[in-house]
Amino acid sequence: MATTRQKAAARSAHGRRSPKRSAGISTQQRNRMRTTTFAFPKERKEPLNDARHVRNAVARFDQVEGVSDKERDAAWRRIRTAARKFGVEIEAKGWRSLMKGGKTGRSRARR
């Protein structure tokens, strides 16, 4: 059972706006972006509009489902181009080295 002080604190905190956690892009901004800004343009996945998003695209590359190897090759070229543009250093030589058992399960299939 909540005390009177806890109830009062909850009421006063409820009306306040909490600050945004990150300065990410909004849905409206994402919808306005050109298709060519994405690593996977057909699916509009992994935006490449700044250095932070490029690093995120590399980190989450193995989580993208429903794309062919040909689409992954093209996406990797787009990511490398964006990395050079924004000064992001990528240690991986190719996208196949990133496939470490994410949602796609590619590394498990190769064993």
N, C-alpha and C. Protein backbone atom coordinates (compact mmCIF):
# COMPACT_ATOMS: atom_id res chain seq x y z
N MET A 1 0.84 -1.17 0.00
CA MET A 1 0.00 0.00 0.00
C MET A 1 0.89 1.24 0.00
N ALA A 2 0.57 2.18 -0.86
CA ALA A 2 1.37 3.40 -0.98
C ALA A 2 1.01 4.38 0.14
N THR A 3 2.03 5.07 0.60
CA THR A 3 1.80 6.08 1.64
C THR A 3 1.31 7.37 0.99
N THR A 4 0.89 8.29 1.81
CA THR A 4 0.40 9.59 1.32
C THR A 4 1.52 10.33 0.60
N ARG A 5 2.73 10.27 1.13
CA ARG A 5 3.87 10.95 0.50
C ARG A 5 4.16 10.34 -0.88
N GLN A 6 4.09 9.02 -0.99
CA GLN A 6 4.34 8.36 -2.27
C GLN A 6 3.29 8.74 -3.31
N LYS A 7 2.03 8.81 -2.86
CA LYS A 7 0.96 9.20 -3.77
C LYS A 7 1.15 10.63 -4.26
N ALA A 8 1.53 11.53 -3.35
CA ALA A 8 1.75 12.94 -3.71
C ALA A 8 2.92 13.06 -4.70
N ALA A 9 3.98 12.32 -4.46
CA ALA A 9 5.13 12.36 -5.36
C ALA A 9 4.76 11.82 -6.74
N ALA A 10 3.97 10.78 -6.77
CA ALA A 10 3.55 10.21 -8.05
C ALA A 10 2.67 11.19 -8.82
N ARG A 11 1.79 11.87 -8.11
CA ARG A 11 0.91 12.85 -8.77
C ARG A 11 1.71 14.02 -9.34
N SER A 12 2.70 14.50 -8.59
CA SER A 12 3.47 15.65 -9.07
C SER A 12 4.40 15.25 -10.22
N ALA A 13 4.92 14.05 -10.22
CA ALA A 13 5.82 13.60 -11.28
C ALA A 13 5.06 13.26 -12.55
N HIS A 14 3.80 12.89 -12.41
CA HIS A 14 3.02 12.44 -13.56
C HIS A 14 2.81 13.55 -14.58
N GLY A 15 2.65 14.77 -14.15
CA GLY A 15 2.37 15.87 -15.06
C GLY A 15 3.58 16.40 -15.79
N ARG A 16 4.77 16.09 -15.35
CA ARG A 16 5.99 16.60 -15.96
C ARG A 16 6.34 15.81 -17.21
N ARG A 17 6.99 16.50 -18.12
CA ARG A 17 7.50 15.82 -19.31
C ARG A 17 8.90 15.32 -19.02
N SER A 18 9.15 14.09 -19.37
CA SER A 18 10.49 13.55 -19.17
C SER A 18 11.32 13.85 -20.41
N PRO A 19 12.60 14.16 -20.22
CA PRO A 19 13.44 14.48 -21.38
C PRO A 19 13.65 13.25 -22.26
N LYS A 20 13.86 13.50 -23.53
CA LYS A 20 14.13 12.43 -24.48
C LYS A 20 15.46 11.77 -24.13
N ARG A 21 15.53 10.48 -24.22
CA ARG A 21 16.76 9.77 -23.85
C ARG A 21 17.87 9.98 -24.87
N SER A 22 17.53 9.99 -26.13
CA SER A 22 18.57 10.16 -27.15
C SER A 22 18.11 11.19 -28.16
N ALA A 23 19.04 11.67 -28.90
CA ALA A 23 18.72 12.65 -29.94
C ALA A 23 18.55 11.94 -31.27
N GLY A 24 17.90 10.78 -31.28
CA GLY A 24 17.68 10.00 -32.49
C GLY A 24 16.70 10.68 -33.42
N ILE A 25 16.47 10.06 -34.56
CA ILE A 25 15.55 10.64 -35.52
C ILE A 25 14.13 10.20 -35.20
N SER A 26 13.20 11.09 -35.44
CA SER A 26 11.80 10.78 -35.18
C SER A 26 11.24 9.99 -36.36
N THR A 27 10.06 9.44 -36.16
CA THR A 27 9.40 8.69 -37.23
C THR A 27 9.12 9.60 -38.41
N GLN A 28 8.73 10.82 -38.13
CA GLN A 28 8.45 11.77 -39.20
C GLN A 28 9.72 12.07 -40.01
N GLN A 29 10.83 12.27 -39.31
CA GLN A 29 12.09 12.52 -40.01
C GLN A 29 12.50 11.29 -40.83
N ARG A 30 12.33 10.11 -40.25
CA ARG A 30 12.69 8.87 -40.93
C ARG A 30 11.85 8.70 -42.20
N ASN A 31 10.58 9.01 -42.12
CA ASN A 31 9.70 8.87 -43.29
C ASN A 31 10.04 9.86 -44.40
N ARG A 32 10.61 10.99 -44.03
CA ARG A 32 10.98 12.00 -45.02
C ARG A 32 12.33 11.73 -45.67
N MET A 33 13.11 10.83 -45.09
CA MET A 33 14.44 10.55 -45.62
C MET A 33 14.36 9.87 -46.98
N ARG A 34 15.34 10.17 -47.82
CA ARG A 34 15.41 9.51 -49.12
C ARG A 34 15.70 8.03 -48.94
N THR A 35 15.23 7.24 -49.84
CA THR A 35 15.45 5.80 -49.78
C THR A 35 16.94 5.47 -49.85
N THR A 36 17.70 6.27 -50.57
CA THR A 36 19.13 6.01 -50.74
C THR A 36 19.92 6.25 -49.46
N THR A 37 19.31 6.82 -48.44
CA THR A 37 19.99 7.09 -47.18
C THR A 37 20.07 5.83 -46.31
N PHE A 38 19.38 4.78 -46.67
CA PHE A 38 19.34 3.56 -45.87
C PHE A 38 20.30 2.51 -46.42
N ALA A 39 20.85 1.69 -45.52
CA ALA A 39 21.71 0.59 -45.96
C ALA A 39 20.89 -0.42 -46.75
N PHE A 40 19.67 -0.68 -46.29
CA PHE A 40 18.74 -1.58 -46.98
C PHE A 40 17.57 -0.73 -47.47
N PRO A 41 17.69 -0.09 -48.64
CA PRO A 41 16.68 0.87 -49.09
C PRO A 41 15.31 0.27 -49.35
N LYS A 42 15.26 -0.96 -49.84
CA LYS A 42 13.97 -1.60 -50.15
C LYS A 42 13.14 -1.77 -48.87
N GLU A 43 13.81 -2.13 -47.78
CA GLU A 43 13.14 -2.34 -46.49
C GLU A 43 13.15 -1.08 -45.62
N ARG A 44 13.90 -0.06 -46.05
CA ARG A 44 14.10 1.18 -45.29
C ARG A 44 14.63 0.87 -43.88
N LYS A 45 15.67 0.02 -43.86
CA LYS A 45 16.29 -0.38 -42.60
C LYS A 45 17.71 0.18 -42.54
N GLU A 46 18.15 0.48 -41.34
CA GLU A 46 19.51 0.96 -41.05
C GLU A 46 19.80 2.29 -41.75
N PRO A 47 19.29 3.41 -41.23
CA PRO A 47 19.60 4.72 -41.81
C PRO A 47 21.08 5.04 -41.66
N LEU A 48 21.63 5.74 -42.62
CA LEU A 48 23.05 6.08 -42.64
C LEU A 48 23.23 7.60 -42.74
N ASN A 49 22.54 8.35 -41.90
CA ASN A 49 22.55 9.80 -42.01
C ASN A 49 23.59 10.50 -41.14
N ASP A 50 24.27 9.80 -40.23
CA ASP A 50 25.35 10.38 -39.44
C ASP A 50 26.24 9.27 -38.91
N ALA A 51 27.32 9.65 -38.24
CA ALA A 51 28.31 8.67 -37.77
C ALA A 51 27.69 7.69 -36.77
N ARG A 52 26.84 8.19 -35.89
CA ARG A 52 26.23 7.31 -34.89
C ARG A 52 25.38 6.23 -35.54
N HIS A 53 24.61 6.60 -36.57
CA HIS A 53 23.78 5.63 -37.26
C HIS A 53 24.61 4.64 -38.08
N VAL A 54 25.73 5.09 -38.60
CA VAL A 54 26.62 4.18 -39.34
C VAL A 54 27.17 3.12 -38.40
N ARG A 55 27.65 3.54 -37.21
CA ARG A 55 28.16 2.57 -36.23
C ARG A 55 27.06 1.61 -35.80
N ASN A 56 25.85 2.11 -35.64
CA ASN A 56 24.72 1.27 -35.26
C ASN A 56 24.39 0.27 -36.37
N ALA A 57 24.47 0.70 -37.62
CA ALA A 57 24.19 -0.19 -38.76
C ALA A 57 25.18 -1.34 -38.80
N VAL A 58 26.44 -1.06 -38.51
CA VAL A 58 27.45 -2.12 -38.48
C VAL A 58 27.17 -3.08 -37.33
N ALA A 59 26.84 -2.52 -36.17
CA ALA A 59 26.60 -3.35 -34.99
C ALA A 59 25.38 -4.25 -35.15
N ARG A 60 24.38 -3.79 -35.88
CA ARG A 60 23.13 -4.53 -36.01
C ARG A 60 22.97 -5.23 -37.35
N PHE A 61 24.03 -5.27 -38.13
CA PHE A 61 23.96 -5.84 -39.47
C PHE A 61 23.46 -7.27 -39.46
N ASP A 62 23.86 -8.05 -38.47
CA ASP A 62 23.47 -9.47 -38.42
C ASP A 62 22.03 -9.67 -37.95
N GLN A 63 21.35 -8.60 -37.57
CA GLN A 63 19.97 -8.72 -37.09
C GLN A 63 18.94 -8.48 -38.18
N VAL A 64 19.36 -8.04 -39.34
CA VAL A 64 18.43 -7.76 -40.43
C VAL A 64 17.99 -9.08 -41.06
N GLU A 65 16.69 -9.28 -41.11
CA GLU A 65 16.13 -10.53 -41.64
C GLU A 65 15.47 -10.29 -42.99
N GLY A 66 15.34 -11.35 -43.76
CA GLY A 66 14.57 -11.30 -45.00
C GLY A 66 15.26 -10.61 -46.15
N VAL A 67 16.60 -10.61 -46.18
CA VAL A 67 17.32 -10.01 -47.29
C VAL A 67 18.29 -11.05 -47.87
N SER A 68 18.56 -10.93 -49.14
CA SER A 68 19.45 -11.88 -49.81
C SER A 68 20.91 -11.47 -49.63
N ASP A 69 21.81 -12.37 -50.00
CA ASP A 69 23.24 -12.06 -49.93
C ASP A 69 23.60 -10.91 -50.86
N LYS A 70 22.93 -10.84 -52.00
CA LYS A 70 23.17 -9.75 -52.95
C LYS A 70 22.80 -8.41 -52.31
N GLU A 71 21.66 -8.37 -51.61
CA GLU A 71 21.24 -7.14 -50.93
C GLU A 71 22.20 -6.80 -49.80
N ARG A 72 22.72 -7.81 -49.11
CA ARG A 72 23.70 -7.57 -48.05
C ARG A 72 25.00 -7.00 -48.62
N ASP A 73 25.43 -7.49 -49.78
CA ASP A 73 26.63 -6.95 -50.43
C ASP A 73 26.44 -5.47 -50.74
N ALA A 74 25.29 -5.13 -51.31
CA ALA A 74 25.01 -3.73 -51.65
C ALA A 74 24.92 -2.87 -50.39
N ALA A 75 24.30 -3.40 -49.34
CA ALA A 75 24.18 -2.66 -48.09
C ALA A 75 25.55 -2.42 -47.46
N TRP A 76 26.41 -3.43 -47.52
CA TRP A 76 27.75 -3.29 -46.96
C TRP A 76 28.53 -2.20 -47.71
N ARG A 77 28.37 -2.14 -49.04
CA ARG A 77 29.02 -1.07 -49.81
C ARG A 77 28.51 0.29 -49.37
N ARG A 78 27.20 0.41 -49.17
CA ARG A 78 26.63 1.69 -48.72
C ARG A 78 27.15 2.07 -47.33
N ILE A 79 27.25 1.08 -46.44
CA ILE A 79 27.74 1.34 -45.08
C ILE A 79 29.20 1.80 -45.13
N ARG A 80 30.03 1.13 -45.94
CA ARG A 80 31.44 1.52 -46.03
C ARG A 80 31.59 2.93 -46.60
N THR A 81 30.77 3.26 -47.60
CA THR A 81 30.80 4.60 -48.18
C THR A 81 30.41 5.64 -47.15
N ALA A 82 29.35 5.38 -46.40
CA ALA A 82 28.91 6.31 -45.37
C ALA A 82 29.94 6.42 -44.25
N ALA A 83 30.61 5.31 -43.93
CA ALA A 83 31.65 5.33 -42.89
C ALA A 83 32.80 6.24 -43.31
N ARG A 84 33.21 6.15 -44.56
CA ARG A 84 34.27 7.05 -45.04
C ARG A 84 33.81 8.50 -44.98
N LYS A 85 32.56 8.73 -45.36
CA LYS A 85 32.02 10.09 -45.39
C LYS A 85 31.99 10.71 -43.99
N PHE A 86 31.63 9.93 -42.98
CA PHE A 86 31.49 10.46 -41.62
C PHE A 86 32.70 10.16 -40.73
N GLY A 87 33.75 9.57 -41.28
CA GLY A 87 34.96 9.33 -40.53
C GLY A 87 34.86 8.20 -39.51
N VAL A 88 34.06 7.19 -39.82
CA VAL A 88 33.90 6.03 -38.93
C VAL A 88 34.84 4.93 -39.40
N GLU A 89 35.60 4.38 -38.47
CA GLU A 89 36.53 3.31 -38.82
C GLU A 89 35.85 1.96 -38.60
N ILE A 90 35.88 1.12 -39.63
CA ILE A 90 35.28 -0.21 -39.55
C ILE A 90 36.40 -1.24 -39.58
N GLU A 91 36.45 -2.07 -38.56
CA GLU A 91 37.50 -3.08 -38.47
C GLU A 91 37.19 -4.32 -39.31
N ALA A 92 35.93 -4.66 -39.46
CA ALA A 92 35.53 -5.86 -40.19
C ALA A 92 35.88 -5.70 -41.67
N LYS A 93 36.40 -6.77 -42.25
CA LYS A 93 36.78 -6.75 -43.67
C LYS A 93 35.57 -6.92 -44.58
N GLY A 94 34.57 -7.63 -44.11
CA GLY A 94 33.37 -7.85 -44.91
C GLY A 94 32.19 -8.15 -44.01
N TRP A 95 31.01 -8.16 -44.59
CA TRP A 95 29.80 -8.36 -43.77
C TRP A 95 29.70 -9.78 -43.24
N ARG A 96 30.32 -10.73 -43.92
CA ARG A 96 30.24 -12.13 -43.45
C ARG A 96 30.92 -12.32 -42.10
N SER A 97 31.93 -11.50 -41.82
CA SER A 97 32.60 -11.60 -40.52
C SER A 97 31.73 -11.04 -39.39
N LEU A 98 30.68 -10.31 -39.72
CA LEU A 98 29.78 -9.76 -38.71
C LEU A 98 28.67 -10.73 -38.32
N MET A 99 28.46 -11.75 -39.12
CA MET A 99 27.35 -12.67 -38.90
C MET A 99 27.70 -13.63 -37.78
N LYS A 100 27.37 -13.25 -36.57
CA LYS A 100 27.78 -14.02 -35.39
C LYS A 100 26.60 -14.64 -34.66
N GLY A 101 25.56 -14.96 -35.36
CA GLY A 101 24.44 -15.64 -34.72
C GLY A 101 23.35 -14.71 -34.25
N GLY A 102 23.11 -13.65 -34.98
CA GLY A 102 22.00 -12.77 -34.64
C GLY A 102 20.68 -13.43 -35.00
N LYS A 103 19.70 -12.64 -35.30
CA LYS A 103 18.38 -13.18 -35.61
C LYS A 103 18.38 -14.02 -36.88
N THR A 104 19.30 -13.73 -37.78
CA THR A 104 19.32 -14.46 -39.04
C THR A 104 19.81 -15.88 -38.87
N GLY A 105 20.63 -16.14 -37.87
CA GLY A 105 21.10 -17.50 -37.59
C GLY A 105 22.06 -18.04 -38.62
N ARG A 106 22.70 -17.18 -39.40
CA ARG A 106 23.59 -17.63 -40.47
C ARG A 106 24.79 -18.39 -39.94
N SER A 107 25.37 -17.94 -38.84
CA SER A 107 26.57 -18.63 -38.36
C SER A 107 26.24 -20.03 -37.86
N ARG A 108 25.04 -20.22 -37.33
CA ARG A 108 24.64 -21.54 -36.87
C ARG A 108 24.46 -22.49 -38.05
N ALA A 109 24.01 -21.98 -39.19
CA ALA A 109 23.77 -22.82 -40.36
C ALA A 109 25.07 -23.28 -40.99
N ARG A 110 26.16 -22.53 -40.82
CA ARG A 110 27.44 -22.86 -41.45
C ARG A 110 28.23 -23.91 -40.67
N ARG A 111 27.91 -24.14 -39.43
CA ARG A 111 28.70 -25.07 -38.60
C ARG A 111 28.56 -26.48 -39.04
